[in-house]
Amino acid sequence: MKKILLNSILPSILLLVSACTGQASTPIVSPPANQYTLTDPAVPLEISNGSEFYIAVPSNPSTGYHWQVMNDWDPKVFVTTGTLYQSTSPEGIVGGGGMDIFMFQAVGTGEAVFTIGYFPPANTDTPEQTLTFTVQVK
């Protein structure tokens, strides 16, 4: 009976302990040599057709604020390939800031506008800040 009890309870205890290690559920990326830099919305992005590109904005998920895409764009110009979060805080700092990174692939020539909003916790109607980026694919 003790053996059956240990075989059924021990895996559950180990799962609970591993869940309490404080690891973030958002993927954290630390690319070599900090390849991601903040993107200036005042400067149009000029991208070659077929290229991958990104838009990086300051973020701190521990505050509950989040960036959200606010518009559609022509999918014949570029498509989204994913999002990442990169911490810019020293290692081991809990609640430090970083960057949200929106990743794209240019798939055709043209111009498109990409707008994101920074929304407070539990609010998906009114952003506190918006950023609009112009993407020109040549």
C-alpha atoms as a PDB file:
ATOM      1  CA  MET A   1       0.000   0.000   0.000  1.00  0.00           C
ATOM      2  CA  LYS A   2       2.839   2.416   0.873  1.00  0.00           C
ATOM      3  CA  LYS A   3       4.528   1.720  -2.459  1.00  0.00           C
ATOM      4  CA  ILE A   4       1.332   2.497  -4.411  1.00  0.00           C
ATOM      5  CA  LEU A   5       0.797   5.672  -2.407  1.00  0.00           C
ATOM      6  CA  LEU A   6       4.376   6.877  -3.049  1.00  0.00           C
ATOM      7  CA  ASN A   7       4.159   6.070  -6.772  1.00  0.00           C
ATOM      8  CA  SER A   8       0.954   8.081  -7.152  1.00  0.00           C
ATOM      9  CA  ILE A   9       1.698  11.037  -4.854  1.00  0.00           C
ATOM     10  CA  LEU A  10       5.409  11.620  -5.506  1.00  0.00           C
ATOM     11  CA  PRO A  11       4.982  12.704  -9.167  1.00  0.00           C
ATOM     12  CA  SER A  12       2.267  15.163  -8.116  1.00  0.00           C
ATOM     13  CA  ILE A  13       4.481  16.678  -5.426  1.00  0.00           C
ATOM     14  CA  LEU A  14       7.377  17.049  -7.858  1.00  0.00           C
ATOM     15  CA  LEU A  15       5.084  18.737 -10.388  1.00  0.00           C
ATOM     16  CA  LEU A  16       3.859  21.219  -7.771  1.00  0.00           C
ATOM     17  CA  VAL A  17       7.407  22.029  -6.623  1.00  0.00           C
ATOM     18  CA  SER A  18       8.576  22.619 -10.187  1.00  0.00           C
ATOM     19  CA  ALA A  19       5.567  24.892 -10.835  1.00  0.00           C
ATOM     20  CA  CYS A  20       6.552  27.079  -7.870  1.00  0.00           C
ATOM     21  CA  THR A  21      10.036  27.942  -9.128  1.00  0.00           C
ATOM     22  CA  GLY A  22       8.881  31.403 -10.273  1.00  0.00           C
ATOM     23  CA  GLN A  23       9.626  30.972 -13.962  1.00  0.00           C
ATOM     24  CA  ALA A  24       7.700  33.289 -16.291  1.00  0.00           C
ATOM     25  CA  SER A  25       5.115  31.865 -18.641  1.00  0.00           C
ATOM     26  CA  THR A  26       6.104  34.390 -21.324  1.00  0.00           C
ATOM     27  CA  PRO A  27       9.082  33.180 -23.362  1.00  0.00           C
ATOM     28  CA  ILE A  28      12.130  35.230 -22.423  1.00  0.00           C
ATOM     29  CA  VAL A  29      14.702  35.683 -25.124  1.00  0.00           C
ATOM     30  CA  SER A  30      18.273  36.789 -24.643  1.00  0.00           C
ATOM     31  CA  PRO A  31      19.725  36.968 -28.143  1.00  0.00           C
ATOM     32  CA  PRO A  32      23.487  37.220 -28.536  1.00  0.00           C
ATOM     33  CA  ALA A  33      24.885  40.743 -28.289  1.00  0.00           C
ATOM     34  CA  ASN A  34      21.411  42.222 -27.664  1.00  0.00           C
ATOM     35  CA  GLN A  35      20.477  42.070 -31.340  1.00  0.00           C
ATOM     36  CA  TYR A  36      17.077  43.621 -30.615  1.00  0.00           C
ATOM     37  CA  THR A  37      16.867  47.376 -30.154  1.00  0.00           C
ATOM     38  CA  LEU A  38      13.866  49.613 -29.599  1.00  0.00           C
ATOM     39  CA  THR A  39      12.151  50.652 -32.821  1.00  0.00           C
ATOM     40  CA  ASP A  40      11.542  54.375 -33.424  1.00  0.00           C
ATOM     41  CA  PRO A  41       8.001  54.862 -34.786  1.00  0.00           C
ATOM     42  CA  ALA A  42       9.014  58.230 -36.317  1.00  0.00           C
ATOM     43  CA  VAL A  43      11.369  56.487 -38.773  1.00  0.00           C
ATOM     44  CA  PRO A  44       9.702  54.423 -41.547  1.00  0.00           C
ATOM     45  CA  LEU A  45      11.055  50.893 -41.798  1.00  0.00           C
ATOM     46  CA  GLU A  46      12.458  50.145 -45.249  1.00  0.00           C
ATOM     47  CA  ILE A  47      12.553  46.402 -45.759  1.00  0.00           C
ATOM     48  CA  SER A  48      13.641  44.268 -48.713  1.00  0.00           C
ATOM     49  CA  ASN A  49      11.019  41.855 -50.001  1.00  0.00           C
ATOM     50  CA  GLY A  50      11.548  38.435 -48.439  1.00  0.00           C
ATOM     51  CA  SER A  51      13.355  39.816 -45.375  1.00  0.00           C
ATOM     52  CA  GLU A  52      12.500  39.173 -41.773  1.00  0.00           C
ATOM     53  CA  PHE A  53      12.122  42.211 -39.522  1.00  0.00           C
ATOM     54  CA  TYR A  54      10.910  43.140 -36.072  1.00  0.00           C
ATOM     55  CA  ILE A  55       9.353  45.979 -34.105  1.00  0.00           C
ATOM     56  CA  ALA A  56      10.555  46.219 -30.478  1.00  0.00           C
ATOM     57  CA  VAL A  57       8.816  48.378 -27.866  1.00  0.00           C
ATOM     58  CA  PRO A  58       9.499  48.919 -24.149  1.00  0.00           C
ATOM     59  CA  SER A  59       7.461  46.662 -21.902  1.00  0.00           C
ATOM     60  CA  ASN A  60       7.165  45.382 -18.360  1.00  0.00           C
ATOM     61  CA  PRO A  61       4.728  42.469 -18.077  1.00  0.00           C
ATOM     62  CA  SER A  62       4.981  42.476 -14.277  1.00  0.00           C
ATOM     63  CA  THR A  63       2.888  45.688 -14.232  1.00  0.00           C
ATOM     64  CA  GLY A  64      -0.034  44.020 -15.979  1.00  0.00           C
ATOM     65  CA  TYR A  65       0.211  46.393 -18.956  1.00  0.00           C
ATOM     66  CA  HIS A  66       0.368  44.807 -22.390  1.00  0.00           C
ATOM     67  CA  TRP A  67       0.881  45.796 -26.035  1.00  0.00           C
ATOM     68  CA  GLN A  68      -1.899  44.812 -28.408  1.00  0.00           C
ATOM     69  CA  VAL A  69      -2.175  45.132 -32.190  1.00  0.00           C
ATOM     70  CA  MET A  70      -4.871  47.682 -33.049  1.00  0.00           C
ATOM     71  CA  ASN A  71      -5.216  47.359 -36.814  1.00  0.00           C
ATOM     72  CA  ASP A  72      -5.051  44.977 -39.732  1.00  0.00           C
ATOM     73  CA  TRP A  73      -2.586  45.544 -42.556  1.00  0.00           C
ATOM     74  CA  ASP A  74      -2.315  44.185 -46.061  1.00  0.00           C
ATOM     75  CA  PRO A  75      -1.070  40.591 -45.654  1.00  0.00           C
ATOM     76  CA  LYS A  76       0.323  40.814 -49.200  1.00  0.00           C
ATOM     77  CA  VAL A  77       3.020  43.178 -47.837  1.00  0.00           C
ATOM     78  CA  PHE A  78       4.076  41.422 -44.613  1.00  0.00           C
ATOM     79  CA  VAL A  79       2.889  38.707 -42.253  1.00  0.00           C
ATOM     80  CA  THR A  80       3.465  38.182 -38.554  1.00  0.00           C
ATOM     81  CA  THR A  81       5.744  35.332 -37.514  1.00  0.00           C
ATOM     82  CA  GLY A  82       5.500  35.640 -33.728  1.00  0.00           C
ATOM     83  CA  THR A  83       6.167  37.678 -30.635  1.00  0.00           C
ATOM     84  CA  LEU A  84       8.862  37.523 -27.976  1.00  0.00           C
ATOM     85  CA  TYR A  85       9.749  39.221 -24.718  1.00  0.00           C
ATOM     86  CA  GLN A  86      13.358  40.167 -23.979  1.00  0.00           C
ATOM     87  CA  SER A  87      14.376  41.314 -20.522  1.00  0.00           C
ATOM     88  CA  THR A  88      16.707  44.314 -20.388  1.00  0.00           C
ATOM     89  CA  SER A  89      17.130  44.081 -16.605  1.00  0.00           C
ATOM     90  CA  PRO A  90      20.156  42.543 -14.937  1.00  0.00           C
ATOM     91  CA  GLU A  91      19.847  38.782 -14.485  1.00  0.00           C
ATOM     92  CA  GLY A  92      17.931  37.805 -11.378  1.00  0.00           C
ATOM     93  CA  ILE A  93      15.917  41.038 -11.117  1.00  0.00           C
ATOM     94  CA  VAL A  94      12.268  40.106 -10.675  1.00  0.00           C
ATOM     95  CA  GLY A  95       9.779  42.604 -12.133  1.00  0.00           C
ATOM     96  CA  GLY A  96      12.353  44.420 -14.246  1.00  0.00           C
ATOM     97  CA  GLY A  97      11.523  45.835 -17.641  1.00  0.00           C
ATOM     98  CA  GLY A  98      12.307  44.713 -21.123  1.00  0.00           C
ATOM     99  CA  MET A  99      10.999  44.759 -24.683  1.00  0.00           C
ATOM    100  CA  ASP A 100       8.078  43.164 -26.479  1.00  0.00           C
ATOM    101  CA  ILE A 101       9.206  42.123 -29.932  1.00  0.00           C
ATOM    102  CA  PHE A 102       6.755  41.707 -32.820  1.00  0.00           C
ATOM    103  CA  MET A 103       8.338  39.609 -35.600  1.00  0.00           C
ATOM    104  CA  PHE A 104       7.395  39.745 -39.300  1.00  0.00           C
ATOM    105  CA  GLN A 105       8.260  38.459 -42.772  1.00  0.00           C
ATOM    106  CA  ALA A 106       8.048  40.761 -45.801  1.00  0.00           C
ATOM    107  CA  VAL A 107       6.152  38.893 -48.533  1.00  0.00           C
ATOM    108  CA  GLY A 108       5.454  41.536 -51.184  1.00  0.00           C
ATOM    109  CA  THR A 109       6.220  45.101 -52.170  1.00  0.00           C
ATOM    110  CA  GLY A 110       4.152  47.971 -50.877  1.00  0.00           C
ATOM    111  CA  GLU A 111       3.540  50.065 -47.795  1.00  0.00           C
ATOM    112  CA  ALA A 112       1.596  49.138 -44.674  1.00  0.00           C
ATOM    113  CA  VAL A 113       0.889  50.765 -41.334  1.00  0.00           C
ATOM    114  CA  PHE A 114       1.132  48.855 -38.058  1.00  0.00           C
ATOM    115  CA  THR A 115      -0.412  50.358 -34.887  1.00  0.00           C
ATOM    116  CA  ILE A 116      -0.153  48.930 -31.392  1.00  0.00           C
ATOM    117  CA  GLY A 117      -1.653  50.157 -28.129  1.00  0.00           C
ATOM    118  CA  TYR A 118      -0.351  49.877 -24.570  1.00  0.00           C
ATOM    119  CA  PHE A 119      -3.296  48.763 -22.464  1.00  0.00           C
ATOM    120  CA  PRO A 120      -3.574  48.877 -18.671  1.00  0.00           C
ATOM    121  CA  PRO A 121      -4.503  45.707 -16.772  1.00  0.00           C
ATOM    122  CA  ALA A 122      -8.023  44.407 -17.444  1.00  0.00           C
ATOM    123  CA  ASN A 123      -8.690  47.071 -20.098  1.00  0.00           C
ATOM    124  CA  THR A 124      -8.945  46.132 -23.761  1.00  0.00           C
ATOM    125  CA  ASP A 125     -10.918  49.186 -24.900  1.00  0.00           C
ATOM    126  CA  THR A 126      -8.715  52.244 -24.370  1.00  0.00           C
ATOM    127  CA  PRO A 127      -4.929  52.188 -24.619  1.00  0.00           C
ATOM    128  CA  GLU A 128      -2.892  54.648 -22.577  1.00  0.00           C
ATOM    129  CA  GLN A 129      -0.402  54.961 -25.433  1.00  0.00           C
ATOM    130  CA  THR A 130      -0.324  54.102 -29.129  1.00  0.00           C
ATOM    131  CA  LEU A 131       2.587  53.703 -31.505  1.00  0.00           C
ATOM    132  CA  THR A 132       2.201  53.665 -35.287  1.00  0.00           C
ATOM    133  CA  PHE A 133       4.909  52.263 -37.555  1.00  0.00           C
ATOM    134  CA  THR A 134       5.141  52.630 -41.332  1.00  0.00           C
ATOM    135  CA  VAL A 135       6.637  49.656 -43.150  1.00  0.00           C
ATOM    136  CA  GLN A 136       7.831  50.046 -46.739  1.00  0.00           C
ATOM    137  CA  VAL A 137       8.727  46.801 -48.495  1.00  0.00           C
ATOM    138  CA  LYS A 138      10.794  47.222 -51.657  1.00  0.00           C
END
